[in-house]
Amino acid sequence: MGPAVRIAPVEEHRVFRVVGIDCPECARAVEQSVSALPGVSEARVAFATGELRVRYDSLRTSGEEVAARVHSLGYEVMGWEPPGVQATTLRVSGMDCADCAAHLEKRVGMVPGVRQARVSFALGRLQVVHEGPVADILAAVESLGYRGEVEAGTLARPSRAVSPGRNRYFWPTVVSGAILAAAAALSWAGGPLVLVHAVYAAAALCGGYLPARAG
């Protein structure tokens, strides 16, 4: 009998867009759960961008199994939804307290066709998994007195520019965005998770300080 044939692993690297991750603890929980799947050698989450990067042996697991594991934690995975379902992220301006964000999340969740709505007050971001038109979601946002704009990647309505001098949240938002960019770069470079999460937390604190005071 000849020597046993050893099948080499077939490594794949995929990026999943996860809707609903809005804190370092949430990101860590997803990383730990996905890392426990057979054949997964690396799982990293950037909660600010909602990206899950996974390296795995495709002979031992699959993209569908990764998506199913994320679903089991209560999140939606963009690109693995049933036909007709899409994920849209909107930037929302005008929220000035955590209660406002919770009220907006509840209101959007009542729009027909919306399967999930998550609002990050600190980041001013609304993430929605839905089957109906985006226009219905924008209408719900505006019905509460806020202004919504679809992020790049989907058709967006033009918005009026706001002068930095008239918007007291402008500079905190700019600084927060710069910190988020640094955190994303650090995560992509494989930096220590403790440091990456600390930088993300600093960005959220910076972006949410003035609105929290106003609330």
C-alpha atoms as a PDB file:
ATOM      1  CA  MET A   1       0.000   0.000   0.000  1.00  0.00           C
ATOM      2  CA  GLY A   2       1.374   3.399  -0.963  1.00  0.00           C
ATOM      3  CA  PRO A   3       1.746   6.367   1.368  1.00  0.00           C
ATOM      4  CA  ALA A   4      -1.419   8.163   2.436  1.00  0.00           C
ATOM      5  CA  VAL A   5      -2.343  11.119   0.294  1.00  0.00           C
ATOM      6  CA  ARG A   6      -2.452  14.332   2.290  1.00  0.00           C
ATOM      7  CA  ILE A   7      -4.823  16.978   0.972  1.00  0.00           C
ATOM      8  CA  ALA A   8      -3.442  20.490   1.344  1.00  0.00           C
ATOM      9  CA  PRO A   9      -5.794  23.100   2.816  1.00  0.00           C
ATOM     10  CA  VAL A  10      -7.434  25.504   0.378  1.00  0.00           C
ATOM     11  CA  GLU A  11      -7.312  28.863   2.104  1.00  0.00           C
ATOM     12  CA  GLU A  12      -9.800  31.584   1.267  1.00  0.00           C
ATOM     13  CA  HIS A  13      -9.906  35.173   2.452  1.00  0.00           C
ATOM     14  CA  ARG A  14     -13.341  36.800   2.450  1.00  0.00           C
ATOM     15  CA  VAL A  15     -14.784  40.067   3.670  1.00  0.00           C
ATOM     16  CA  PHE A  16     -18.341  40.070   5.041  1.00  0.00           C
ATOM     17  CA  ARG A  17     -20.417  43.201   5.662  1.00  0.00           C
ATOM     18  CA  VAL A  18     -22.129  42.754   9.034  1.00  0.00           C
ATOM     19  CA  VAL A  19     -25.047  44.967  10.054  1.00  0.00           C
ATOM     20  CA  GLY A  20     -25.508  45.845  13.717  1.00  0.00           C
ATOM     21  CA  ILE A  21     -22.005  45.671  15.222  1.00  0.00           C
ATOM     22  CA  ASP A  22     -21.634  48.955  17.089  1.00  0.00           C
ATOM     23  CA  CYS A  23     -19.296  48.336  20.028  1.00  0.00           C
ATOM     24  CA  PRO A  24     -15.894  46.711  20.693  1.00  0.00           C
ATOM     25  CA  GLU A  25     -17.503  44.005  22.850  1.00  0.00           C
ATOM     26  CA  CYS A  26     -19.876  43.054  20.010  1.00  0.00           C
ATOM     27  CA  ALA A  27     -16.937  42.843  17.597  1.00  0.00           C
ATOM     28  CA  ARG A  28     -14.965  40.660  20.009  1.00  0.00           C
ATOM     29  CA  ALA A  29     -17.896  38.270  20.456  1.00  0.00           C
ATOM     30  CA  VAL A  30     -18.253  37.829  16.687  1.00  0.00           C
ATOM     31  CA  GLU A  31     -14.507  37.262  16.281  1.00  0.00           C
ATOM     32  CA  GLN A  32     -14.443  34.603  18.995  1.00  0.00           C
ATOM     33  CA  SER A  33     -17.521  32.778  17.681  1.00  0.00           C
ATOM     34  CA  VAL A  34     -16.363  32.734  14.041  1.00  0.00           C
ATOM     35  CA  SER A  35     -12.819  31.737  15.068  1.00  0.00           C
ATOM     36  CA  ALA A  36     -14.281  28.624  16.716  1.00  0.00           C
ATOM     37  CA  LEU A  37     -15.498  27.283  13.359  1.00  0.00           C
ATOM     38  CA  PRO A  38     -13.439  24.393  11.903  1.00  0.00           C
ATOM     39  CA  GLY A  39     -10.756  25.589   9.525  1.00  0.00           C
ATOM     40  CA  VAL A  40     -10.937  29.275  10.452  1.00  0.00           C
ATOM     41  CA  SER A  41      -7.419  30.610  10.996  1.00  0.00           C
ATOM     42  CA  GLU A  42      -8.283  34.299  11.441  1.00  0.00           C
ATOM     43  CA  ALA A  43     -11.367  36.422  12.081  1.00  0.00           C
ATOM     44  CA  ARG A  44     -11.141  40.186  12.562  1.00  0.00           C
ATOM     45  CA  VAL A  45     -13.960  42.695  12.924  1.00  0.00           C
ATOM     46  CA  ALA A  46     -13.835  46.467  12.477  1.00  0.00           C
ATOM     47  CA  PHE A  47     -17.056  47.551  14.182  1.00  0.00           C
ATOM     48  CA  ALA A  48     -16.866  51.114  12.807  1.00  0.00           C
ATOM     49  CA  THR A  49     -17.056  49.879   9.214  1.00  0.00           C
ATOM     50  CA  GLY A  50     -19.002  46.682   9.907  1.00  0.00           C
ATOM     51  CA  GLU A  51     -16.408  44.543   8.122  1.00  0.00           C
ATOM     52  CA  LEU A  52     -15.616  40.973   9.120  1.00  0.00           C
ATOM     53  CA  ARG A  53     -12.438  39.611   7.518  1.00  0.00           C
ATOM     54  CA  VAL A  54     -12.046  35.845   7.663  1.00  0.00           C
ATOM     55  CA  ARG A  55      -9.333  33.423   6.543  1.00  0.00           C
ATOM     56  CA  TYR A  56     -10.456  29.802   6.443  1.00  0.00           C
ATOM     57  CA  ASP A  57      -9.833  26.417   4.867  1.00  0.00           C
ATOM     58  CA  SER A  58     -12.631  26.012   2.319  1.00  0.00           C
ATOM     59  CA  LEU A  59     -12.328  22.216   2.599  1.00  0.00           C
ATOM     60  CA  ARG A  60     -13.420  22.390   6.244  1.00  0.00           C
ATOM     61  CA  THR A  61     -15.904  25.271   6.278  1.00  0.00           C
ATOM     62  CA  SER A  62     -17.636  27.646   3.871  1.00  0.00           C
ATOM     63  CA  GLY A  63     -18.749  31.228   3.511  1.00  0.00           C
ATOM     64  CA  GLU A  64     -22.323  30.101   4.126  1.00  0.00           C
ATOM     65  CA  GLU A  65     -21.303  28.569   7.455  1.00  0.00           C
ATOM     66  CA  VAL A  66     -19.525  31.774   8.474  1.00  0.00           C
ATOM     67  CA  ALA A  67     -22.618  33.810   7.583  1.00  0.00           C
ATOM     68  CA  ALA A  68     -24.850  31.365   9.482  1.00  0.00           C
ATOM     69  CA  ARG A  69     -22.678  31.688  12.582  1.00  0.00           C
ATOM     70  CA  VAL A  70     -22.933  35.495  12.444  1.00  0.00           C
ATOM     71  CA  HIS A  71     -26.716  35.219  11.949  1.00  0.00           C
ATOM     72  CA  SER A  72     -26.919  33.035  15.070  1.00  0.00           C
ATOM     73  CA  LEU A  73     -25.479  35.939  17.075  1.00  0.00           C
ATOM     74  CA  GLY A  74     -28.317  38.222  15.975  1.00  0.00           C
ATOM     75  CA  TYR A  75     -26.655  40.121  13.123  1.00  0.00           C
ATOM     76  CA  GLU A  76     -27.417  40.343   9.402  1.00  0.00           C
ATOM     77  CA  VAL A  77     -24.705  39.621   6.841  1.00  0.00           C
ATOM     78  CA  MET A  78     -24.805  41.649   3.634  1.00  0.00           C
ATOM     79  CA  GLY A  79     -24.363  39.566   0.509  1.00  0.00           C
ATOM     80  CA  TRP A  80     -25.882  36.413   2.015  1.00  0.00           C
ATOM     81  CA  GLU A  81     -29.491  37.555   2.324  1.00  0.00           C
ATOM     82  CA  PRO A  82     -32.439  35.957   0.536  1.00  0.00           C
ATOM     83  CA  PRO A  83     -33.273  37.417  -2.924  1.00  0.00           C
ATOM     84  CA  GLY A  84     -34.776  40.899  -2.707  1.00  0.00           C
ATOM     85  CA  VAL A  85     -33.265  41.731   0.695  1.00  0.00           C
ATOM     86  CA  GLN A  86     -30.610  44.431   0.893  1.00  0.00           C
ATOM     87  CA  ALA A  87     -28.606  46.238   3.546  1.00  0.00           C
ATOM     88  CA  THR A  88     -28.401  50.027   3.501  1.00  0.00           C
ATOM     89  CA  THR A  89     -26.426  52.378   5.729  1.00  0.00           C
ATOM     90  CA  LEU A  90     -27.526  55.970   6.232  1.00  0.00           C
ATOM     91  CA  ARG A  91     -25.838  58.930   7.865  1.00  0.00           C
ATOM     92  CA  VAL A  92     -28.365  60.687  10.085  1.00  0.00           C
ATOM     93  CA  SER A  93     -27.988  64.283  11.240  1.00  0.00           C
ATOM     94  CA  GLY A  94     -30.005  65.958  13.977  1.00  0.00           C
ATOM     95  CA  MET A  95     -29.927  63.296  16.702  1.00  0.00           C
ATOM     96  CA  ASP A  96     -28.758  64.841  19.957  1.00  0.00           C
ATOM     97  CA  CYS A  97     -29.452  62.169  22.573  1.00  0.00           C
ATOM     98  CA  ALA A  98     -29.418  58.402  23.044  1.00  0.00           C
ATOM     99  CA  ASP A  99     -33.198  58.361  23.507  1.00  0.00           C
ATOM    100  CA  CYS A 100     -33.579  60.022  20.099  1.00  0.00           C
ATOM    101  CA  ALA A 101     -31.541  57.206  18.545  1.00  0.00           C
ATOM    102  CA  ALA A 102     -33.663  54.555  20.259  1.00  0.00           C
ATOM    103  CA  HIS A 103     -36.862  56.248  19.079  1.00  0.00           C
ATOM    104  CA  LEU A 104     -35.541  56.434  15.506  1.00  0.00           C
ATOM    105  CA  GLU A 105     -34.569  52.748  15.574  1.00  0.00           C
ATOM    106  CA  LYS A 106     -38.077  51.812  16.711  1.00  0.00           C
ATOM    107  CA  ARG A 107     -39.740  54.028  14.087  1.00  0.00           C
ATOM    108  CA  VAL A 108     -37.681  52.663  11.183  1.00  0.00           C
ATOM    109  CA  GLY A 109     -38.279  49.122  12.420  1.00  0.00           C
ATOM    110  CA  MET A 110     -42.015  49.709  11.848  1.00  0.00           C
ATOM    111  CA  VAL A 111     -41.554  50.528   8.135  1.00  0.00           C
ATOM    112  CA  PRO A 112     -43.037  47.722   5.988  1.00  0.00           C
ATOM    113  CA  GLY A 113     -40.298  45.465   4.623  1.00  0.00           C
ATOM    114  CA  VAL A 114     -37.690  46.392   7.266  1.00  0.00           C
ATOM    115  CA  ARG A 115     -36.231  43.269   8.863  1.00  0.00           C
ATOM    116  CA  GLN A 116     -33.731  44.959  11.155  1.00  0.00           C
ATOM    117  CA  ALA A 117     -32.750  48.525  12.089  1.00  0.00           C
ATOM    118  CA  ARG A 118     -29.744  49.458  14.209  1.00  0.00           C
ATOM    119  CA  VAL A 119     -28.774  53.039  15.158  1.00  0.00           C
ATOM    120  CA  SER A 120     -25.354  54.094  16.442  1.00  0.00           C
ATOM    121  CA  PHE A 121     -25.913  57.428  18.186  1.00  0.00           C
ATOM    122  CA  ALA A 122     -22.191  58.183  18.614  1.00  0.00           C
ATOM    123  CA  LEU A 123     -21.453  57.592  14.920  1.00  0.00           C
ATOM    124  CA  GLY A 124     -24.707  59.064  13.579  1.00  0.00           C
ATOM    125  CA  ARG A 125     -25.269  55.916  11.534  1.00  0.00           C
ATOM    126  CA  LEU A 126     -28.431  53.952  10.766  1.00  0.00           C
ATOM    127  CA  GLN A 127     -28.027  50.431   9.378  1.00  0.00           C
ATOM    128  CA  VAL A 128     -31.102  48.780   7.897  1.00  0.00           C
ATOM    129  CA  VAL A 129     -31.784  45.354   6.411  1.00  0.00           C
ATOM    130  CA  HIS A 130     -34.890  45.690   4.278  1.00  0.00           C
ATOM    131  CA  GLU A 131     -36.917  44.525   1.302  1.00  0.00           C
ATOM    132  CA  GLY A 132     -38.791  47.752   0.513  1.00  0.00           C
ATOM    133  CA  PRO A 133     -37.507  50.939  -1.140  1.00  0.00           C
ATOM    134  CA  VAL A 134     -34.937  53.167   0.551  1.00  0.00           C
ATOM    135  CA  ALA A 135     -37.285  56.113   0.023  1.00  0.00           C
ATOM    136  CA  ASP A 136     -39.641  54.676   2.661  1.00  0.00           C
ATOM    137  CA  ILE A 137     -36.811  54.567   5.192  1.00  0.00           C
ATOM    138  CA  LEU A 138     -35.731  58.127   4.402  1.00  0.00           C
ATOM    139  CA  ALA A 139     -39.337  59.261   4.816  1.00  0.00           C
ATOM    140  CA  ALA A 140     -39.483  57.630   8.256  1.00  0.00           C
ATOM    141  CA  VAL A 141     -36.264  59.372   9.275  1.00  0.00           C
ATOM    142  CA  GLU A 142     -37.533  62.755   8.101  1.00  0.00           C
ATOM    143  CA  SER A 143     -40.885  62.246   9.828  1.00  0.00           C
ATOM    144  CA  LEU A 144     -39.014  62.539  13.132  1.00  0.00           C
ATOM    145  CA  GLY A 145     -37.286  65.750  12.086  1.00  0.00           C
ATOM    146  CA  TYR A 146     -33.909  64.265  11.121  1.00  0.00           C
ATOM    147  CA  ARG A 147     -32.092  64.261   7.806  1.00  0.00           C
ATOM    148  CA  GLY A 148     -30.807  61.027   6.307  1.00  0.00           C
ATOM    149  CA  GLU A 149     -28.298  60.449   3.532  1.00  0.00           C
ATOM    150  CA  VAL A 150     -27.437  57.086   2.015  1.00  0.00           C
ATOM    151  CA  GLU A 151     -23.740  56.257   2.306  1.00  0.00           C
ATOM    152  CA  ALA A 152     -21.612  55.807  -0.800  1.00  0.00           C
ATOM    153  CA  GLY A 153     -22.363  52.572  -2.603  1.00  0.00           C
ATOM    154  CA  THR A 154     -26.094  53.164  -3.134  1.00  0.00           C
ATOM    155  CA  LEU A 155     -28.002  55.983  -4.764  1.00  0.00           C
ATOM    156  CA  ALA A 156     -27.992  58.981  -2.459  1.00  0.00           C
ATOM    157  CA  ARG A 157     -30.109  62.092  -2.440  1.00  0.00           C
ATOM    158  CA  PRO A 158     -28.154  65.352  -2.665  1.00  0.00           C
ATOM    159  CA  SER A 159     -27.793  67.083   0.664  1.00  0.00           C
ATOM    160  CA  ARG A 160     -27.171  70.718   1.493  1.00  0.00           C
ATOM    161  CA  ALA A 161     -23.707  71.530   2.761  1.00  0.00           C
ATOM    162  CA  VAL A 162     -23.535  72.671   6.373  1.00  0.00           C
ATOM    163  CA  SER A 163     -21.071  75.379   7.314  1.00  0.00           C
ATOM    164  CA  PRO A 164     -18.588  74.200   9.984  1.00  0.00           C
ATOM    165  CA  GLY A 165     -19.070  77.479  11.798  1.00  0.00           C
ATOM    166  CA  ARG A 166     -22.803  76.845  12.184  1.00  0.00           C
ATOM    167  CA  ASN A 167     -22.534  73.208  13.248  1.00  0.00           C
ATOM    168  CA  ARG A 168     -21.051  72.730  16.688  1.00  0.00           C
ATOM    169  CA  TYR A 169     -20.643  68.997  16.037  1.00  0.00           C
ATOM    170  CA  PHE A 170     -18.461  69.536  12.959  1.00  0.00           C
ATOM    171  CA  TRP A 171     -14.999  69.410  14.535  1.00  0.00           C
ATOM    172  CA  PRO A 172     -15.739  66.573  16.977  1.00  0.00           C
ATOM    173  CA  THR A 173     -17.048  64.619  13.980  1.00  0.00           C
ATOM    174  CA  VAL A 174     -13.890  65.369  11.956  1.00  0.00           C
ATOM    175  CA  VAL A 175     -11.617  64.313  14.821  1.00  0.00           C
ATOM    176  CA  SER A 176     -13.716  61.202  15.448  1.00  0.00           C
ATOM    177  CA  GLY A 177     -13.502  60.294  11.759  1.00  0.00           C
ATOM    178  CA  ALA A 178      -9.713  60.672  11.795  1.00  0.00           C
ATOM    179  CA  ILE A 179      -9.443  58.403  14.839  1.00  0.00           C
ATOM    180  CA  LEU A 180     -11.741  55.846  13.177  1.00  0.00           C
ATOM    181  CA  ALA A 181      -9.530  55.847  10.076  1.00  0.00           C
ATOM    182  CA  ALA A 182      -6.459  55.267  12.244  1.00  0.00           C
ATOM    183  CA  ALA A 183      -8.213  52.430  14.074  1.00  0.00           C
ATOM    184  CA  ALA A 184      -9.270  50.774  10.801  1.00  0.00           C
ATOM    185  CA  ALA A 185      -5.693  50.992   9.501  1.00  0.00           C
ATOM    186  CA  LEU A 186      -4.359  49.524  12.740  1.00  0.00           C
ATOM    187  CA  SER A 187      -6.883  46.665  12.553  1.00  0.00           C
ATOM    188  CA  TRP A 188      -6.005  45.924   8.910  1.00  0.00           C
ATOM    189  CA  ALA A 189      -2.289  45.907   9.811  1.00  0.00           C
ATOM    190  CA  GLY A 190      -2.927  43.248  12.437  1.00  0.00           C
ATOM    191  CA  GLY A 191      -2.376  45.414  15.509  1.00  0.00           C
ATOM    192  CA  PRO A 192      -3.163  44.169  19.035  1.00  0.00           C
ATOM    193  CA  LEU A 193      -6.930  43.793  19.506  1.00  0.00           C
ATOM    194  CA  VAL A 194      -6.836  45.570  22.863  1.00  0.00           C
ATOM    195  CA  LEU A 195      -5.246  48.634  21.254  1.00  0.00           C
ATOM    196  CA  VAL A 196      -7.586  48.531  18.226  1.00  0.00           C
ATOM    197  CA  HIS A 197     -10.685  48.402  20.417  1.00  0.00           C
ATOM    198  CA  ALA A 198      -9.337  51.175  22.651  1.00  0.00           C
ATOM    199  CA  VAL A 199      -8.853  53.458  19.639  1.00  0.00           C
ATOM    200  CA  TYR A 200     -12.376  52.700  18.376  1.00  0.00           C
ATOM    201  CA  ALA A 201     -13.763  53.499  21.829  1.00  0.00           C
ATOM    202  CA  ALA A 202     -11.890  56.814  21.819  1.00  0.00           C
ATOM    203  CA  ALA A 203     -13.439  57.675  18.450  1.00  0.00           C
ATOM    204  CA  ALA A 204     -16.943  56.898  19.685  1.00  0.00           C
ATOM    205  CA  LEU A 205     -16.356  58.967  22.839  1.00  0.00           C
ATOM    206  CA  CYS A 206     -15.052  61.921  20.841  1.00  0.00           C
ATOM    207  CA  GLY A 207     -17.920  61.841  18.355  1.00  0.00           C
ATOM    208  CA  GLY A 208     -20.608  61.446  20.996  1.00  0.00           C
ATOM    209  CA  TYR A 209     -19.403  63.812  23.768  1.00  0.00           C
ATOM    210  CA  LEU A 210     -21.134  67.018  22.693  1.00  0.00           C
ATOM    211  CA  PRO A 211     -24.422  65.349  21.706  1.00  0.00           C
ATOM    212  CA  ALA A 212     -24.435  63.500  25.024  1.00  0.00           C
ATOM    213  CA  ARG A 213     -24.003  66.784  26.882  1.00  0.00           C
ATOM    214  CA  ALA A 214     -26.848  68.301  24.882  1.00  0.00           C
ATOM    215  CA  GLY A 215     -29.080  65.359  25.824  1.00  0.00           C
END
